[in-house]
PDB file of all heavy atoms in Angstrom:
ATOM      1  N   ALA A   1       0.838  -1.195   0.000  1.00  0.00           N
ATOM      2  CA  ALA A   1       0.000   0.000   0.000  1.00  0.00           C
ATOM      3  C   ALA A   1       0.872   1.244   0.000  1.00  0.00           C
ATOM      4  O   ALA A   1       1.754   1.381   0.850  1.00  0.00           O
ATOM      5  CB  ALA A   1      -0.913  -0.009   1.224  1.00  0.00           C
ATOM      6  N   ALA A   2       0.622   2.124  -0.944  1.00  0.00           N
ATOM      7  CA  ALA A   2       1.410   3.347  -1.077  1.00  0.00           C
ATOM      8  C   ALA A   2       0.543   4.564  -0.791  1.00  0.00           C
ATOM      9  O   ALA A   2      -0.629   4.601  -1.153  1.00  0.00           O
ATOM     10  CB  ALA A   2       2.001   3.445  -2.476  1.00  0.00           C
ATOM     11  N   SER A   3       1.152   5.553  -0.159  1.00  0.00           N
ATOM     12  CA  SER A   3       0.477   6.824   0.088  1.00  0.00           C
ATOM     13  C   SER A   3       1.492   7.949  -0.060  1.00  0.00           C
ATOM     14  O   SER A   3       2.703   7.726   0.069  1.00  0.00           O
ATOM     15  CB  SER A   3      -0.159   6.848   1.478  1.00  0.00           C
ATOM     16  OG  SER A   3       0.814   6.672   2.483  1.00  0.00           O
ATOM     17  N   GLY A   4       0.990   9.134  -0.334  1.00  0.00           N
ATOM     18  CA  GLY A   4       1.870  10.283  -0.483  1.00  0.00           C
ATOM     19  C   GLY A   4       2.440  10.452  -1.879  1.00  0.00           C
ATOM     20  O   GLY A   4       3.232  11.380  -2.104  1.00  0.00           O
ATOM     21  N   ILE A   5       2.098   9.538  -2.780  1.00  0.00           N
ATOM     22  CA  ILE A   5       2.521   9.647  -4.175  1.00  0.00           C
ATOM     23  C   ILE A   5       1.315   9.372  -5.071  1.00  0.00           C
ATOM     24  O   ILE A   5       0.325   8.783  -4.627  1.00  0.00           O
ATOM     25  CB  ILE A   5       3.646   8.650  -4.543  1.00  0.00           C
ATOM     26  CG1 ILE A   5       3.206   7.198  -4.251  1.00  0.00           C
ATOM     27  CG2 ILE A   5       4.940   8.995  -3.830  1.00  0.00           C
ATOM     28  CD1 ILE A   5       4.188   6.148  -4.734  1.00  0.00           C
ATOM     29  N   THR A   6       1.421   9.785  -6.316  1.00  0.00           N
ATOM     30  CA  THR A   6       0.394   9.414  -7.297  1.00  0.00           C
ATOM     31  C   THR A   6       0.764   8.025  -7.793  1.00  0.00           C
ATOM     32  O   THR A   6       1.534   7.858  -8.736  1.00  0.00           O
ATOM     33  CB  THR A   6       0.346  10.426  -8.447  1.00  0.00           C
ATOM     34  OG1 THR A   6       0.137  11.732  -7.911  1.00  0.00           O
ATOM     35  CG2 THR A   6      -0.798  10.085  -9.391  1.00  0.00           C
ATOM     36  N   PHE A   7       0.228   7.039  -7.126  1.00  0.00           N
ATOM     37  CA  PHE A   7       0.651   5.643  -7.314  1.00  0.00           C
ATOM     38  C   PHE A   7       0.563   5.219  -8.781  1.00  0.00           C
ATOM     39  O   PHE A   7       1.422   4.485  -9.272  1.00  0.00           O
ATOM     40  CB  PHE A   7      -0.225   4.741  -6.446  1.00  0.00           C
ATOM     41  CG  PHE A   7       0.165   3.287  -6.477  1.00  0.00           C
ATOM     42  CD1 PHE A   7       1.382   2.865  -5.966  1.00  0.00           C
ATOM     43  CD2 PHE A   7      -0.695   2.338  -7.002  1.00  0.00           C
ATOM     44  CE1 PHE A   7       1.736   1.528  -5.984  1.00  0.00           C
ATOM     45  CE2 PHE A   7      -0.363   1.000  -7.024  1.00  0.00           C
ATOM     46  CZ  PHE A   7       0.867   0.591  -6.512  1.00  0.00           C
ATOM     47  N   SER A   8      -0.443   5.698  -9.484  1.00  0.00           N
ATOM     48  CA  SER A   8      -0.654   5.271 -10.866  1.00  0.00           C
ATOM     49  C   SER A   8       0.446   5.747 -11.808  1.00  0.00           C
ATOM     50  O   SER A   8       0.515   5.295 -12.954  1.00  0.00           O
ATOM     51  CB  SER A   8      -2.007   5.762 -11.364  1.00  0.00           C
ATOM     52  OG  SER A   8      -2.064   7.172 -11.320  1.00  0.00           O
ATOM     53  N   ARG A   9       1.303   6.628 -11.354  1.00  0.00           N
ATOM     54  CA  ARG A   9       2.417   7.116 -12.173  1.00  0.00           C
ATOM     55  C   ARG A   9       3.717   6.350 -11.914  1.00  0.00           C
ATOM     56  O   ARG A   9       4.726   6.598 -12.571  1.00  0.00           O
ATOM     57  CB  ARG A   9       2.651   8.598 -11.929  1.00  0.00           C
ATOM     58  CG  ARG A   9       1.489   9.487 -12.373  1.00  0.00           C
ATOM     59  CD  ARG A   9       1.788  10.954 -12.125  1.00  0.00           C
ATOM     60  NE  ARG A   9       0.673  11.813 -12.540  1.00  0.00           N
ATOM     61  CZ  ARG A   9       0.658  13.137 -12.359  1.00  0.00           C
ATOM     62  NH1 ARG A   9       1.697  13.745 -11.806  1.00  0.00           N
ATOM     63  NH2 ARG A   9      -0.380  13.831 -12.753  1.00  0.00           N
ATOM     64  N   TYR A  10       3.682   5.447 -10.966  1.00  0.00           N
ATOM     65  CA  TYR A  10       4.880   4.738 -10.556  1.00  0.00           C
ATOM     66  C   TYR A  10       4.823   3.279 -10.958  1.00  0.00           C
ATOM     67  O   TYR A  10       3.793   2.610 -10.771  1.00  0.00           O
ATOM     68  CB  TYR A  10       5.056   4.820  -9.040  1.00  0.00           C
ATOM     69  CG  TYR A  10       5.571   6.150  -8.562  1.00  0.00           C
ATOM     70  CD1 TYR A  10       4.760   7.279  -8.567  1.00  0.00           C
ATOM     71  CD2 TYR A  10       6.890   6.290  -8.119  1.00  0.00           C
ATOM     72  CE1 TYR A  10       5.242   8.510  -8.156  1.00  0.00           C
ATOM     73  CE2 TYR A  10       7.373   7.511  -7.693  1.00  0.00           C
ATOM     74  CZ  TYR A  10       6.545   8.612  -7.712  1.00  0.00           C
ATOM     75  OH  TYR A  10       7.021   9.823  -7.295  1.00  0.00           O
ATOM     76  N   ALA A  11       5.926   2.789 -11.490  1.00  0.00           N
ATOM     77  CA  ALA A  11       6.078   1.355 -11.624  1.00  0.00           C
ATOM     78  C   ALA A  11       6.285   0.761 -10.230  1.00  0.00           C
ATOM     79  O   ALA A  11       6.584   1.480  -9.275  1.00  0.00           O
ATOM     80  CB  ALA A  11       7.261   1.032 -12.526  1.00  0.00           C
ATOM     81  N   MET A  12       6.104  -0.531 -10.140  1.00  0.00           N
ATOM     82  CA  MET A  12       6.250  -1.188  -8.853  1.00  0.00           C
ATOM     83  C   MET A  12       7.016  -2.492  -9.037  1.00  0.00           C
ATOM     84  O   MET A  12       6.850  -3.198 -10.039  1.00  0.00           O
ATOM     85  CB  MET A  12       4.884  -1.495  -8.253  1.00  0.00           C
ATOM     86  CG  MET A  12       4.924  -1.995  -6.824  1.00  0.00           C
ATOM     87  SD  MET A  12       3.308  -2.569  -6.280  1.00  0.00           S
ATOM     88  CE  MET A  12       3.148  -4.062  -7.214  1.00  0.00           C
ATOM     89  N   SER A  13       7.855  -2.770  -8.066  1.00  0.00           N
ATOM     90  CA  SER A  13       8.626  -4.009  -8.107  1.00  0.00           C
ATOM     91  C   SER A  13       8.609  -4.674  -6.742  1.00  0.00           C
ATOM     92  O   SER A  13       8.486  -4.002  -5.718  1.00  0.00           O
ATOM     93  CB  SER A  13      10.081  -3.730  -8.497  1.00  0.00           C
ATOM     94  OG  SER A  13      10.164  -3.138  -9.775  1.00  0.00           O
ATOM     95  N   TRP A  14       8.748  -5.971  -6.766  1.00  0.00           N
ATOM     96  CA  TRP A  14       8.935  -6.752  -5.543  1.00  0.00           C
ATOM     97  C   TRP A  14      10.354  -7.334  -5.575  1.00  0.00           C
ATOM     98  O   TRP A  14      10.783  -7.889  -6.595  1.00  0.00           O
ATOM     99  CB  TRP A  14       7.928  -7.888  -5.441  1.00  0.00           C
ATOM    100  CG  TRP A  14       6.548  -7.452  -5.089  1.00  0.00           C
ATOM    101  CD1 TRP A  14       5.520  -7.196  -5.954  1.00  0.00           C
ATOM    102  CD2 TRP A  14       6.023  -7.239  -3.774  1.00  0.00           C
ATOM    103  NE1 TRP A  14       4.393  -6.817  -5.263  1.00  0.00           N
ATOM    104  CE2 TRP A  14       4.670  -6.843  -3.917  1.00  0.00           C
ATOM    105  CE3 TRP A  14       6.559  -7.338  -2.489  1.00  0.00           C
ATOM    106  CZ2 TRP A  14       3.852  -6.552  -2.823  1.00  0.00           C
ATOM    107  CZ3 TRP A  14       5.745  -7.048  -1.404  1.00  0.00           C
ATOM    108  CH2 TRP A  14       4.411  -6.665  -1.577  1.00  0.00           C
ATOM    109  N   TYR A  15      11.026  -7.210  -4.453  1.00  0.00           N
ATOM    110  CA  TYR A  15      12.342  -7.783  -4.256  1.00  0.00           C
ATOM    111  C   TYR A  15      12.283  -8.713  -3.050  1.00  0.00           C
ATOM    112  O   TYR A  15      11.348  -8.658  -2.254  1.00  0.00           O
ATOM    113  CB  TYR A  15      13.379  -6.695  -3.981  1.00  0.00           C
ATOM    114  CG  TYR A  15      13.736  -5.823  -5.147  1.00  0.00           C
ATOM    115  CD1 TYR A  15      12.872  -4.828  -5.597  1.00  0.00           C
ATOM    116  CD2 TYR A  15      14.958  -5.968  -5.803  1.00  0.00           C
ATOM    117  CE1 TYR A  15      13.202  -4.018  -6.669  1.00  0.00           C
ATOM    118  CE2 TYR A  15      15.302  -5.157  -6.870  1.00  0.00           C
ATOM    119  CZ  TYR A  15      14.418  -4.188  -7.293  1.00  0.00           C
ATOM    120  OH  TYR A  15      14.759  -3.392  -8.356  1.00  0.00           O
ATOM    121  N   ARG A  16      13.309  -9.532  -2.919  1.00  0.00           N
ATOM    122  CA  ARG A  16      13.424 -10.338  -1.711  1.00  0.00           C
ATOM    123  C   ARG A  16      14.890 -10.499  -1.339  1.00  0.00           C
ATOM    124  O   ARG A  16      15.772 -10.400  -2.196  1.00  0.00           O
ATOM    125  CB  ARG A  16      12.776 -11.710  -1.888  1.00  0.00           C
ATOM    126  CG  ARG A  16      13.462 -12.625  -2.883  1.00  0.00           C
ATOM    127  CD  ARG A  16      12.643 -13.904  -3.076  1.00  0.00           C
ATOM    128  NE  ARG A  16      13.280 -14.823  -4.010  1.00  0.00           N
ATOM    129  CZ  ARG A  16      12.713 -15.939  -4.441  1.00  0.00           C
ATOM    130  NH1 ARG A  16      11.488 -16.282  -4.021  1.00  0.00           N
ATOM    131  NH2 ARG A  16      13.351 -16.724  -5.288  1.00  0.00           N
ATOM    132  N   GLN A  17      15.086 -10.721  -0.061  1.00  0.00           N
ATOM    133  CA  GLN A  17      16.444 -10.939   0.434  1.00  0.00           C
ATOM    134  C   GLN A  17      16.425 -12.060   1.449  1.00  0.00           C
ATOM    135  O   GLN A  17      15.777 -11.951   2.495  1.00  0.00           O
ATOM    136  CB  GLN A  17      17.015  -9.665   1.057  1.00  0.00           C
ATOM    137  CG  GLN A  17      18.477  -9.789   1.427  1.00  0.00           C
ATOM    138  CD  GLN A  17      19.108  -8.444   1.726  1.00  0.00           C
ATOM    139  OE1 GLN A  17      18.415  -7.467   2.014  1.00  0.00           O
ATOM    140  NE2 GLN A  17      20.434  -8.379   1.648  1.00  0.00           N
ATOM    141  N   ALA A  18      17.100 -13.136   1.112  1.00  0.00           N
ATOM    142  CA  ALA A  18      17.231 -14.269   2.011  1.00  0.00           C
ATOM    143  C   ALA A  18      18.465 -14.072   2.885  1.00  0.00           C
ATOM    144  O   ALA A  18      19.389 -13.339   2.512  1.00  0.00           O
ATOM    145  CB  ALA A  18      17.343 -15.553   1.204  1.00  0.00           C
ATOM    146  N   PRO A  19      18.510 -14.719   4.045  1.00  0.00           N
ATOM    147  CA  PRO A  19      19.672 -14.572   4.938  1.00  0.00           C
ATOM    148  C   PRO A  19      20.976 -14.909   4.224  1.00  0.00           C
ATOM    149  O   PRO A  19      21.087 -15.954   3.571  1.00  0.00           O
ATOM    150  CB  PRO A  19      19.372 -15.571   6.049  1.00  0.00           C
ATOM    151  CG  PRO A  19      17.893 -15.689   6.073  1.00  0.00           C
ATOM    152  CD  PRO A  19      17.468 -15.568   4.640  1.00  0.00           C
ATOM    153  N   GLY A  20      21.935 -14.009   4.321  1.00  0.00           N
ATOM    154  CA  GLY A  20      23.243 -14.248   3.721  1.00  0.00           C
ATOM    155  C   GLY A  20      23.310 -14.048   2.227  1.00  0.00           C
ATOM    156  O   GLY A  20      24.347 -14.314   1.613  1.00  0.00           O
ATOM    157  N   LYS A  21      22.214 -13.577   1.640  1.00  0.00           N
ATOM    158  CA  LYS A  21      22.195 -13.383   0.191  1.00  0.00           C
ATOM    159  C   LYS A  21      21.896 -11.933  -0.145  1.00  0.00           C
ATOM    160  O   LYS A  21      21.386 -11.182   0.678  1.00  0.00           O
ATOM    161  CB  LYS A  21      21.159 -14.298  -0.455  1.00  0.00           C
ATOM    162  CG  LYS A  21      21.482 -15.778  -0.331  1.00  0.00           C
ATOM    163  CD  LYS A  21      20.531 -16.619  -1.163  1.00  0.00           C
ATOM    164  CE  LYS A  21      20.900 -18.097  -1.112  1.00  0.00           C
ATOM    165  NZ  LYS A  21      19.981 -18.927  -1.942  1.00  0.00           N
ATOM    166  N   GLU A  22      22.192 -11.568  -1.376  1.00  0.00           N
ATOM    167  CA  GLU A  22      21.895 -10.219  -1.828  1.00  0.00           C
ATOM    168  C   GLU A  22      20.404 -10.081  -2.160  1.00  0.00           C
ATOM    169  O   GLU A  22      19.734 -11.068  -2.469  1.00  0.00           O
ATOM    170  CB  GLU A  22      22.740  -9.879  -3.051  1.00  0.00           C
ATOM    171  CG  GLU A  22      24.225  -9.799  -2.774  1.00  0.00           C
ATOM    172  CD  GLU A  22      24.996  -9.288  -3.973  1.00  0.00           C
ATOM    173  OE1 GLU A  22      24.410  -9.126  -5.049  1.00  0.00           O
ATOM    174  OE2 GLU A  22      26.212  -9.054  -3.827  1.00  0.00           O
ATOM    175  N   ARG A  23      19.952  -8.856  -2.106  1.00  0.00           N
ATOM    176  CA  ARG A  23      18.572  -8.587  -2.487  1.00  0.00           C
ATOM    177  C   ARG A  23      18.417  -8.841  -3.989  1.00  0.00           C
ATOM    178  O   ARG A  23      19.264  -8.433  -4.783  1.00  0.00           O
ATOM    179  CB  ARG A  23      18.193  -7.154  -2.147  1.00  0.00           C
ATOM    180  CG  ARG A  23      16.731  -6.847  -2.271  1.00  0.00           C
ATOM    181  CD  ARG A  23      16.413  -5.447  -1.751  1.00  0.00           C
ATOM    182  NE  ARG A  23      16.690  -5.319  -0.320  1.00  0.00           N
ATOM    183  CZ  ARG A  23      16.343  -4.261   0.403  1.00  0.00           C
ATOM    184  NH1 ARG A  23      15.697  -3.238  -0.178  1.00  0.00           N
ATOM    185  NH2 ARG A  23      16.633  -4.203   1.684  1.00  0.00           N
ATOM    186  N   GLU A  24      17.324  -9.519  -4.360  1.00  0.00           N
ATOM    187  CA  GLU A  24      17.107  -9.836  -5.761  1.00  0.00           C
ATOM    188  C   GLU A  24      15.720  -9.403  -6.205  1.00  0.00           C
ATOM    189  O   GLU A  24      14.765  -9.415  -5.423  1.00  0.00           O
ATOM    190  CB  GLU A  24      17.280 -11.343  -6.010  1.00  0.00           C
ATOM    191  CG  GLU A  24      16.270 -12.223  -5.296  1.00  0.00           C
ATOM    192  CD  GLU A  24      16.368 -13.687  -5.708  1.00  0.00           C
ATOM    193  OE1 GLU A  24      17.092 -14.008  -6.664  1.00  0.00           O
ATOM    194  OE2 GLU A  24      15.685 -14.514  -5.063  1.00  0.00           O
ATOM    195  N   LEU A  25      15.628  -9.059  -7.476  1.00  0.00           N
ATOM    196  CA  LEU A  25      14.347  -8.688  -8.063  1.00  0.00           C
ATOM    197  C   LEU A  25      13.500  -9.939  -8.277  1.00  0.00           C
ATOM    198  O   LEU A  25      13.974 -10.923  -8.843  1.00  0.00           O
ATOM    199  CB  LEU A  25      14.573  -7.978  -9.390  1.00  0.00           C
ATOM    200  CG  LEU A  25      13.318  -7.592 -10.179  1.00  0.00           C
ATOM    201  CD1 LEU A  25      12.499  -6.554  -9.430  1.00  0.00           C
ATOM    202  CD2 LEU A  25      13.720  -7.071 -11.562  1.00  0.00           C
ATOM    203  N   VAL A  26      12.258  -9.869  -7.832  1.00  0.00           N
ATOM    204  CA  VAL A  26      11.338 -10.988  -7.982  1.00  0.00           C
ATOM    205  C   VAL A  26      10.378 -10.753  -9.146  1.00  0.00           C
ATOM    206  O   VAL A  26      10.183 -11.624  -9.996  1.00  0.00           O
ATOM    207  CB  VAL A  26      10.531 -11.207  -6.684  1.00  0.00           C
ATOM    208  CG1 VAL A  26       9.475 -12.284  -6.880  1.00  0.00           C
ATOM    209  CG2 VAL A  26      11.467 -11.560  -5.528  1.00  0.00           C
ATOM    210  N   ALA A  27       9.778  -9.569  -9.172  1.00  0.00           N
ATOM    211  CA  ALA A  27       8.788  -9.267 -10.216  1.00  0.00           C
ATOM    212  C   ALA A  27       8.616  -7.760 -10.316  1.00  0.00           C
ATOM    213  O   ALA A  27       8.864  -7.030  -9.347  1.00  0.00           O
ATOM    214  CB  ALA A  27       7.450  -9.924  -9.913  1.00  0.00           C
ATOM    215  N   GLY A  28       8.177  -7.309 -11.481  1.00  0.00           N
ATOM    216  CA  GLY A  28       7.916  -5.896 -11.684  1.00  0.00           C
ATOM    217  C   GLY A  28       6.669  -5.701 -12.528  1.00  0.00           C
ATOM    218  O   GLY A  28       6.264  -6.595 -13.282  1.00  0.00           O
ATOM    219  N   ILE A  29       6.069  -4.539 -12.384  1.00  0.00           N
ATOM    220  CA  ILE A  29       4.865  -4.226 -13.145  1.00  0.00           C
ATOM    221  C   ILE A  29       4.897  -2.745 -13.503  1.00  0.00           C
ATOM    222  O   ILE A  29       5.335  -1.907 -12.712  1.00  0.00           O
ATOM    223  CB  ILE A  29       3.587  -4.594 -12.345  1.00  0.00           C
ATOM    224  CG1 ILE A  29       2.333  -4.446 -13.206  1.00  0.00           C
ATOM    225  CG2 ILE A  29       3.489  -3.785 -11.060  1.00  0.00           C
ATOM    226  CD1 ILE A  29       1.094  -5.091 -12.572  1.00  0.00           C
ATOM    227  N   SER A  30       4.433  -2.439 -14.701  1.00  0.00           N
ATOM    228  CA  SER A  30       4.428  -1.055 -15.157  1.00  0.00           C
ATOM    229  C   SER A  30       3.373  -0.239 -14.418  1.00  0.00           C
ATOM    230  O   SER A  30       2.511  -0.787 -13.729  1.00  0.00           O
ATOM    231  CB  SER A  30       4.158  -1.015 -16.661  1.00  0.00           C
ATOM    232  OG  SER A  30       2.891  -1.582 -16.944  1.00  0.00           O
ATOM    233  N   SER A  31       3.434   1.066 -14.581  1.00  0.00           N
ATOM    234  CA  SER A  31       2.511   1.936 -13.858  1.00  0.00           C
ATOM    235  C   SER A  31       1.048   1.647 -14.222  1.00  0.00           C
ATOM    236  O   SER A  31       0.175   1.702 -13.349  1.00  0.00           O
ATOM    237  CB  SER A  31       2.845   3.403 -14.136  1.00  0.00           C
ATOM    238  OG  SER A  31       2.821   3.657 -15.532  1.00  0.00           O
ATOM    239  N   ALA A  32       0.799   1.328 -15.475  1.00  0.00           N
ATOM    240  CA  ALA A  32      -0.567   1.040 -15.914  1.00  0.00           C
ATOM    241  C   ALA A  32      -0.957  -0.415 -15.689  1.00  0.00           C
ATOM    242  O   ALA A  32      -2.122  -0.777 -15.857  1.00  0.00           O
ATOM    243  CB  ALA A  32      -0.723   1.383 -17.392  1.00  0.00           C
ATOM    244  N   GLY A  33       0.023  -1.221 -15.354  1.00  0.00           N
ATOM    245  CA  GLY A  33      -0.258  -2.633 -15.115  1.00  0.00           C
ATOM    246  C   GLY A  33      -0.295  -3.487 -16.357  1.00  0.00           C
ATOM    247  O   GLY A  33      -0.689  -4.661 -16.302  1.00  0.00           O
ATOM    248  N   ASP A  34       0.154  -2.945 -17.480  1.00  0.00           N
ATOM    249  CA  ASP A  34       0.039  -3.682 -18.731  1.00  0.00           C
ATOM    250  C   ASP A  34       1.311  -4.451 -19.093  1.00  0.00           C
ATOM    251  O   ASP A  34       1.317  -5.204 -20.061  1.00  0.00           O
ATOM    252  CB  ASP A  34      -0.339  -2.736 -19.872  1.00  0.00           C
ATOM    253  CG  ASP A  34       0.615  -1.561 -20.015  1.00  0.00           C
ATOM    254  OD1 ASP A  34       1.400  -1.318 -19.072  1.00  0.00           O
ATOM    255  OD2 ASP A  34       0.576  -0.875 -21.045  1.00  0.00           O
ATOM    256  N   ARG A  35       2.342  -4.263 -18.322  1.00  0.00           N
ATOM    257  CA  ARG A  35       3.581  -5.011 -18.569  1.00  0.00           C
ATOM    258  C   ARG A  35       4.116  -5.545 -17.248  1.00  0.00           C
ATOM    259  O   ARG A  35       4.132  -4.838 -16.251  1.00  0.00           O
ATOM    260  CB  ARG A  35       4.635  -4.117 -19.226  1.00  0.00           C
ATOM    261  CG  ARG A  35       4.241  -3.579 -20.584  1.00  0.00           C
ATOM    262  CD  ARG A  35       5.409  -2.863 -21.251  1.00  0.00           C
ATOM    263  NE  ARG A  35       5.937  -1.784 -20.430  1.00  0.00           N
ATOM    264  CZ  ARG A  35       5.421  -0.570 -20.395  1.00  0.00           C
ATOM    265  NH1 ARG A  35       4.366  -0.270 -21.132  1.00  0.00           N
ATOM    266  NH2 ARG A  35       5.974   0.362 -19.624  1.00  0.00           N
ATOM    267  N   THR A  36       4.524  -6.795 -17.287  1.00  0.00           N
ATOM    268  CA  THR A  36       5.094  -7.431 -16.107  1.00  0.00           C
ATOM    269  C   THR A  36       6.366  -8.178 -16.474  1.00  0.00           C
ATOM    270  O   THR A  36       6.589  -8.524 -17.641  1.00  0.00           O
ATOM    271  CB  THR A  36       4.105  -8.429 -15.475  1.00  0.00           C
ATOM    272  OG1 THR A  36       3.772  -9.439 -16.440  1.00  0.00           O
ATOM    273  CG2 THR A  36       2.832  -7.744 -15.015  1.00  0.00           C
ATOM    274  N   ASN A  37       7.179  -8.421 -15.477  1.00  0.00           N
ATOM    275  CA  ASN A  37       8.364  -9.253 -15.680  1.00  0.00           C
ATOM    276  C   ASN A  37       8.624 -10.022 -14.384  1.00  0.00           C
ATOM    277  O   ASN A  37       8.241  -9.581 -13.304  1.00  0.00           O
ATOM    278  CB  ASN A  37       9.579  -8.417 -16.076  1.00  0.00           C
ATOM    279  CG  ASN A  37       9.984  -7.416 -15.018  1.00  0.00           C
ATOM    280  OD1 ASN A  37       9.388  -6.353 -14.893  1.00  0.00           O
ATOM    281  ND2 ASN A  37      10.996  -7.770 -14.227  1.00  0.00           N
ATOM    282  N   TYR A  38       9.264 -11.173 -14.534  1.00  0.00           N
ATOM    283  CA  TYR A  38       9.480 -12.063 -13.403  1.00  0.00           C
ATOM    284  C   TYR A  38      10.891 -12.639 -13.433  1.00  0.00           C
ATOM    285  O   TYR A  38      11.461 -12.882 -14.499  1.00  0.00           O
ATOM    286  CB  TYR A  38       8.491 -13.233 -13.440  1.00  0.00           C
ATOM    287  CG  TYR A  38       7.056 -12.825 -13.304  1.00  0.00           C
ATOM    288  CD1 TYR A  38       6.289 -12.563 -14.435  1.00  0.00           C
ATOM    289  CD2 TYR A  38       6.466 -12.690 -12.048  1.00  0.00           C
ATOM    290  CE1 TYR A  38       4.953 -12.169 -14.319  1.00  0.00           C
ATOM    291  CE2 TYR A  38       5.144 -12.309 -11.919  1.00  0.00           C
ATOM    292  CZ  TYR A  38       4.393 -12.050 -13.054  1.00  0.00           C
ATOM    293  OH  TYR A  38       3.087 -11.668 -12.922  1.00  0.00           O
ATOM    294  N   ALA A  39      11.395 -12.895 -12.249  1.00  0.00           N
ATOM    295  CA  ALA A  39      12.624 -13.669 -12.149  1.00  0.00           C
ATOM    296  C   ALA A  39      12.331 -15.095 -12.607  1.00  0.00           C
ATOM    297  O   ALA A  39      11.226 -15.610 -12.413  1.00  0.00           O
ATOM    298  CB  ALA A  39      13.134 -13.684 -10.709  1.00  0.00           C
ATOM    299  N   TYR A  40      13.317 -15.719 -13.192  1.00  0.00           N
ATOM    300  CA  TYR A  40      13.119 -17.069 -13.714  1.00  0.00           C
ATOM    301  C   TYR A  40      12.660 -18.031 -12.615  1.00  0.00           C
ATOM    302  O   TYR A  40      11.829 -18.905 -12.837  1.00  0.00           O
ATOM    303  CB  TYR A  40      14.422 -17.567 -14.336  1.00  0.00           C
ATOM    304  CG  TYR A  40      14.330 -18.962 -14.881  1.00  0.00           C
ATOM    305  CD1 TYR A  40      13.763 -19.200 -16.133  1.00  0.00           C
ATOM    306  CD2 TYR A  40      14.791 -20.053 -14.140  1.00  0.00           C
ATOM    307  CE1 TYR A  40      13.676 -20.484 -16.634  1.00  0.00           C
ATOM    308  CE2 TYR A  40      14.703 -21.332 -14.637  1.00  0.00           C
ATOM    309  CZ  TYR A  40      14.140 -21.548 -15.888  1.00  0.00           C
ATOM    310  OH  TYR A  40      14.049 -22.823 -16.377  1.00  0.00           O
TER     311      TYR A  40
END
């Protein structure tokens, strides 16, 4: 949940970080929601 920004103008991504590992990109979505990408 985002507040304080015009959320519809922002792309959004999910990352994760496991213990002892670097943060990695999991998935992303465009501001309009029409494009997505995923980690393999």
